[in-house]
């Protein structure tokens, strides 16, 4: 779905500056007030996890530089690593062309997945053989 705010800025020249607060106010949060977040290791570029943020968790992440997500199951904010020690420190943040997805690059301490695996994407699909292989041992 096209976001008029972002669509109107498609032709801006490289290095054009926009106010962060203005862009955040035009992000396409869903009906529950959430936006998807892809979290990537800044060094390896490996996708570590997918989660959700609401406007408050996004603002907290920007202020503290600690990745703060919205837990849909617990219905509250959670700071990654707050209990496990496996923290994610924000290095950079980007928004996609429709303003409906956030990409965060982080410095990851310890495993990113609650299973103890390095990332949450450890079910690798073999399309040819129609199989799924579990990759990486859990440390839990």
C-alpha atoms as a PDB file:
ATOM      1  CA  UNK A   1       0.000   0.000   0.000  1.00  0.00           C
ATOM      2  CA  UNK A   2       1.393   3.378  -0.987  1.00  0.00           C
ATOM      3  CA  UNK A   3       1.974   5.912   1.742  1.00  0.00           C
ATOM      4  CA  UNK A   4       1.376   9.404   0.317  1.00  0.00           C
ATOM      5  CA  UNK A   5       4.045  10.987   2.521  1.00  0.00           C
ATOM      6  CA  UNK A   6       6.740   8.571   1.340  1.00  0.00           C
ATOM      7  CA  UNK A   7       5.458   8.509  -2.230  1.00  0.00           C
ATOM      8  CA  UNK A   8       5.784  12.308  -2.401  1.00  0.00           C
ATOM      9  CA  UNK A   9       9.445  11.960  -1.414  1.00  0.00           C
ATOM     10  CA  UNK A  10      10.441   9.275  -3.936  1.00  0.00           C
ATOM     11  CA  UNK A  11      12.140  11.779  -6.244  1.00  0.00           C
ATOM     12  CA  UNK A  12      14.163  13.600  -3.570  1.00  0.00           C
ATOM     13  CA  UNK A  13      17.826  13.871  -4.397  1.00  0.00           C
ATOM     14  CA  UNK A  14      20.501  11.896  -2.588  1.00  0.00           C
ATOM     15  CA  UNK A  15      21.479  13.270   0.845  1.00  0.00           C
ATOM     16  CA  UNK A  16      18.290  15.346   1.260  1.00  0.00           C
ATOM     17  CA  UNK A  17      17.637  15.846   4.969  1.00  0.00           C
ATOM     18  CA  UNK A  18      14.212  15.334   6.576  1.00  0.00           C
ATOM     19  CA  UNK A  19      13.181  15.843  10.198  1.00  0.00           C
ATOM     20  CA  UNK A  20      13.164  12.496  12.032  1.00  0.00           C
ATOM     21  CA  UNK A  21      10.056  13.374  14.041  1.00  0.00           C
ATOM     22  CA  UNK A  22       8.160  14.181  10.834  1.00  0.00           C
ATOM     23  CA  UNK A  23       9.141  10.887   9.188  1.00  0.00           C
ATOM     24  CA  UNK A  24       8.266   8.860  12.314  1.00  0.00           C
ATOM     25  CA  UNK A  25       4.866  10.561  12.454  1.00  0.00           C
ATOM     26  CA  UNK A  26       4.175   9.359   8.905  1.00  0.00           C
ATOM     27  CA  UNK A  27       5.254   5.741   9.357  1.00  0.00           C
ATOM     28  CA  UNK A  28       2.552   3.207   8.531  1.00  0.00           C
ATOM     29  CA  UNK A  29       1.816   1.597  11.888  1.00  0.00           C
ATOM     30  CA  UNK A  30      -0.841  -1.114  11.543  1.00  0.00           C
ATOM     31  CA  UNK A  31      -4.266  -1.235  13.219  1.00  0.00           C
ATOM     32  CA  UNK A  32      -2.640  -2.398  16.459  1.00  0.00           C
ATOM     33  CA  UNK A  33      -0.204   0.536  16.320  1.00  0.00           C
ATOM     34  CA  UNK A  34       2.715  -1.715  15.346  1.00  0.00           C
ATOM     35  CA  UNK A  35       5.343  -1.696  12.615  1.00  0.00           C
ATOM     36  CA  UNK A  36       7.565  -4.659  11.610  1.00  0.00           C
ATOM     37  CA  UNK A  37      11.263  -4.448  12.410  1.00  0.00           C
ATOM     38  CA  UNK A  38      14.055  -6.435  10.789  1.00  0.00           C
ATOM     39  CA  UNK A  39      17.169  -6.557  12.945  1.00  0.00           C
ATOM     40  CA  UNK A  40      20.497  -7.190  11.237  1.00  0.00           C
ATOM     41  CA  UNK A  41      24.044  -7.643  12.572  1.00  0.00           C
ATOM     42  CA  UNK A  42      26.004  -4.560  11.512  1.00  0.00           C
ATOM     43  CA  UNK A  43      29.230  -6.526  10.911  1.00  0.00           C
ATOM     44  CA  UNK A  44      28.041  -9.704   9.206  1.00  0.00           C
ATOM     45  CA  UNK A  45      24.798  -8.314   7.703  1.00  0.00           C
ATOM     46  CA  UNK A  46      23.071 -11.506   8.894  1.00  0.00           C
ATOM     47  CA  UNK A  47      19.392 -11.041   9.693  1.00  0.00           C
ATOM     48  CA  UNK A  48      19.111 -11.791  13.395  1.00  0.00           C
ATOM     49  CA  UNK A  49      15.418 -11.493  14.046  1.00  0.00           C
ATOM     50  CA  UNK A  50      12.069 -10.013  13.131  1.00  0.00           C
ATOM     51  CA  UNK A  51       9.972  -8.230  15.748  1.00  0.00           C
ATOM     52  CA  UNK A  52       7.470  -5.431  16.211  1.00  0.00           C
ATOM     53  CA  UNK A  53       7.686  -1.884  17.516  1.00  0.00           C
ATOM     54  CA  UNK A  54       5.069   0.628  18.455  1.00  0.00           C
ATOM     55  CA  UNK A  55       5.790   4.353  18.327  1.00  0.00           C
ATOM     56  CA  UNK A  56       6.911   4.409  21.971  1.00  0.00           C
ATOM     57  CA  UNK A  57       9.365   1.506  21.579  1.00  0.00           C
ATOM     58  CA  UNK A  58      10.775   3.137  18.434  1.00  0.00           C
ATOM     59  CA  UNK A  59      11.263   6.401  20.313  1.00  0.00           C
ATOM     60  CA  UNK A  60      12.901   4.563  23.256  1.00  0.00           C
ATOM     61  CA  UNK A  61      15.258   2.782  20.865  1.00  0.00           C
ATOM     62  CA  UNK A  62      16.256   6.107  19.315  1.00  0.00           C
ATOM     63  CA  UNK A  63      16.828   7.707  22.726  1.00  0.00           C
ATOM     64  CA  UNK A  64      18.656   4.846  24.497  1.00  0.00           C
ATOM     65  CA  UNK A  65      20.278   3.115  21.483  1.00  0.00           C
ATOM     66  CA  UNK A  66      19.103  -0.158  23.100  1.00  0.00           C
ATOM     67  CA  UNK A  67      16.758  -2.153  20.892  1.00  0.00           C
ATOM     68  CA  UNK A  68      13.330  -1.876  22.444  1.00  0.00           C
ATOM     69  CA  UNK A  69      10.490  -3.874  20.948  1.00  0.00           C
ATOM     70  CA  UNK A  70       6.797  -4.402  21.617  1.00  0.00           C
ATOM     71  CA  UNK A  71       5.985  -7.890  22.845  1.00  0.00           C
ATOM     72  CA  UNK A  72       2.644  -8.909  21.380  1.00  0.00           C
ATOM     73  CA  UNK A  73       2.379 -11.914  23.709  1.00  0.00           C
ATOM     74  CA  UNK A  74       3.228  -9.995  26.897  1.00  0.00           C
ATOM     75  CA  UNK A  75       1.611  -6.769  25.662  1.00  0.00           C
ATOM     76  CA  UNK A  76       4.469  -4.603  26.913  1.00  0.00           C
ATOM     77  CA  UNK A  77       7.790  -3.092  25.887  1.00  0.00           C
ATOM     78  CA  UNK A  78      10.873  -5.292  26.120  1.00  0.00           C
ATOM     79  CA  UNK A  79      14.467  -4.230  25.874  1.00  0.00           C
ATOM     80  CA  UNK A  80      16.449  -6.938  24.074  1.00  0.00           C
ATOM     81  CA  UNK A  81      18.911  -8.449  26.536  1.00  0.00           C
ATOM     82  CA  UNK A  82      17.305  -6.937  29.627  1.00  0.00           C
ATOM     83  CA  UNK A  83      17.017 -10.357  31.272  1.00  0.00           C
ATOM     84  CA  UNK A  84      19.296 -12.537  29.118  1.00  0.00           C
ATOM     85  CA  UNK A  85      22.230 -10.144  28.782  1.00  0.00           C
ATOM     86  CA  UNK A  86      22.160 -10.726  24.991  1.00  0.00           C
ATOM     87  CA  UNK A  87      21.746  -7.067  24.163  1.00  0.00           C
ATOM     88  CA  UNK A  88      21.405  -5.297  20.848  1.00  0.00           C
ATOM     89  CA  UNK A  89      22.895  -1.825  20.570  1.00  0.00           C
ATOM     90  CA  UNK A  90      21.522   0.292  17.745  1.00  0.00           C
ATOM     91  CA  UNK A  91      24.082   1.353  15.140  1.00  0.00           C
ATOM     92  CA  UNK A  92      21.769   2.533  12.362  1.00  0.00           C
ATOM     93  CA  UNK A  93      18.110   2.632  11.478  1.00  0.00           C
ATOM     94  CA  UNK A  94      16.360   2.923   8.098  1.00  0.00           C
ATOM     95  CA  UNK A  95      12.790   3.009   6.883  1.00  0.00           C
ATOM     96  CA  UNK A  96      11.641   1.403   3.646  1.00  0.00           C
ATOM     97  CA  UNK A  97      10.150   3.251   0.661  1.00  0.00           C
ATOM     98  CA  UNK A  98       6.551   2.794   1.873  1.00  0.00           C
ATOM     99  CA  UNK A  99       7.273   3.705   5.477  1.00  0.00           C
ATOM    100  CA  UNK A 100       5.873   0.387   6.648  1.00  0.00           C
ATOM    101  CA  UNK A 101       9.025  -1.499   7.683  1.00  0.00           C
ATOM    102  CA  UNK A 102      12.012  -0.627   9.857  1.00  0.00           C
ATOM    103  CA  UNK A 103      15.532  -1.981   9.366  1.00  0.00           C
ATOM    104  CA  UNK A 104      17.881  -1.756  12.344  1.00  0.00           C
ATOM    105  CA  UNK A 105      21.554  -2.614  12.251  1.00  0.00           C
ATOM    106  CA  UNK A 106      22.895  -3.561  15.656  1.00  0.00           C
ATOM    107  CA  UNK A 107      25.887  -4.737  17.586  1.00  0.00           C
ATOM    108  CA  UNK A 108      24.706  -8.050  19.011  1.00  0.00           C
ATOM    109  CA  UNK A 109      26.009  -9.375  22.336  1.00  0.00           C
ATOM    110  CA  UNK A 110      25.579 -13.144  22.589  1.00  0.00           C
ATOM    111  CA  UNK A 111      22.917 -15.070  20.679  1.00  0.00           C
ATOM    112  CA  UNK A 112      19.958 -13.141  19.268  1.00  0.00           C
ATOM    113  CA  UNK A 113      17.434 -15.974  19.545  1.00  0.00           C
ATOM    114  CA  UNK A 114      15.761 -16.990  22.813  1.00  0.00           C
ATOM    115  CA  UNK A 115      16.761 -20.588  21.944  1.00  0.00           C
ATOM    116  CA  UNK A 116      20.430 -19.656  22.292  1.00  0.00           C
ATOM    117  CA  UNK A 117      21.034 -19.783  18.545  1.00  0.00           C
ATOM    118  CA  UNK A 118      22.888 -16.912  16.841  1.00  0.00           C
ATOM    119  CA  UNK A 119      19.712 -15.808  15.017  1.00  0.00           C
ATOM    120  CA  UNK A 120      16.023 -16.678  14.871  1.00  0.00           C
ATOM    121  CA  UNK A 121      16.135 -18.014  11.303  1.00  0.00           C
ATOM    122  CA  UNK A 122      17.474 -21.543  11.790  1.00  0.00           C
ATOM    123  CA  UNK A 123      14.881 -23.556   9.867  1.00  0.00           C
ATOM    124  CA  UNK A 124      16.555 -23.745   6.439  1.00  0.00           C
ATOM    125  CA  UNK A 125      14.357 -24.845   3.544  1.00  0.00           C
ATOM    126  CA  UNK A 126      15.668 -27.231   0.875  1.00  0.00           C
ATOM    127  CA  UNK A 127      13.274 -26.351  -1.937  1.00  0.00           C
ATOM    128  CA  UNK A 128      14.394 -29.177  -4.258  1.00  0.00           C
ATOM    129  CA  UNK A 129      13.941 -31.966  -1.690  1.00  0.00           C
ATOM    130  CA  UNK A 130      10.979 -30.322   0.060  1.00  0.00           C
ATOM    131  CA  UNK A 131      12.675 -30.611   3.446  1.00  0.00           C
ATOM    132  CA  UNK A 132      13.507 -28.266   6.266  1.00  0.00           C
ATOM    133  CA  UNK A 133      16.772 -28.605   8.151  1.00  0.00           C
ATOM    134  CA  UNK A 134      17.309 -27.286  11.659  1.00  0.00           C
ATOM    135  CA  UNK A 135      20.673 -25.481  11.642  1.00  0.00           C
ATOM    136  CA  UNK A 136      22.706 -24.640  14.703  1.00  0.00           C
ATOM    137  CA  UNK A 137      22.483 -26.010  18.201  1.00  0.00           C
ATOM    138  CA  UNK A 138      20.542 -24.255  20.912  1.00  0.00           C
ATOM    139  CA  UNK A 139      22.528 -23.393  24.001  1.00  0.00           C
ATOM    140  CA  UNK A 140      19.498 -23.467  26.283  1.00  0.00           C
END
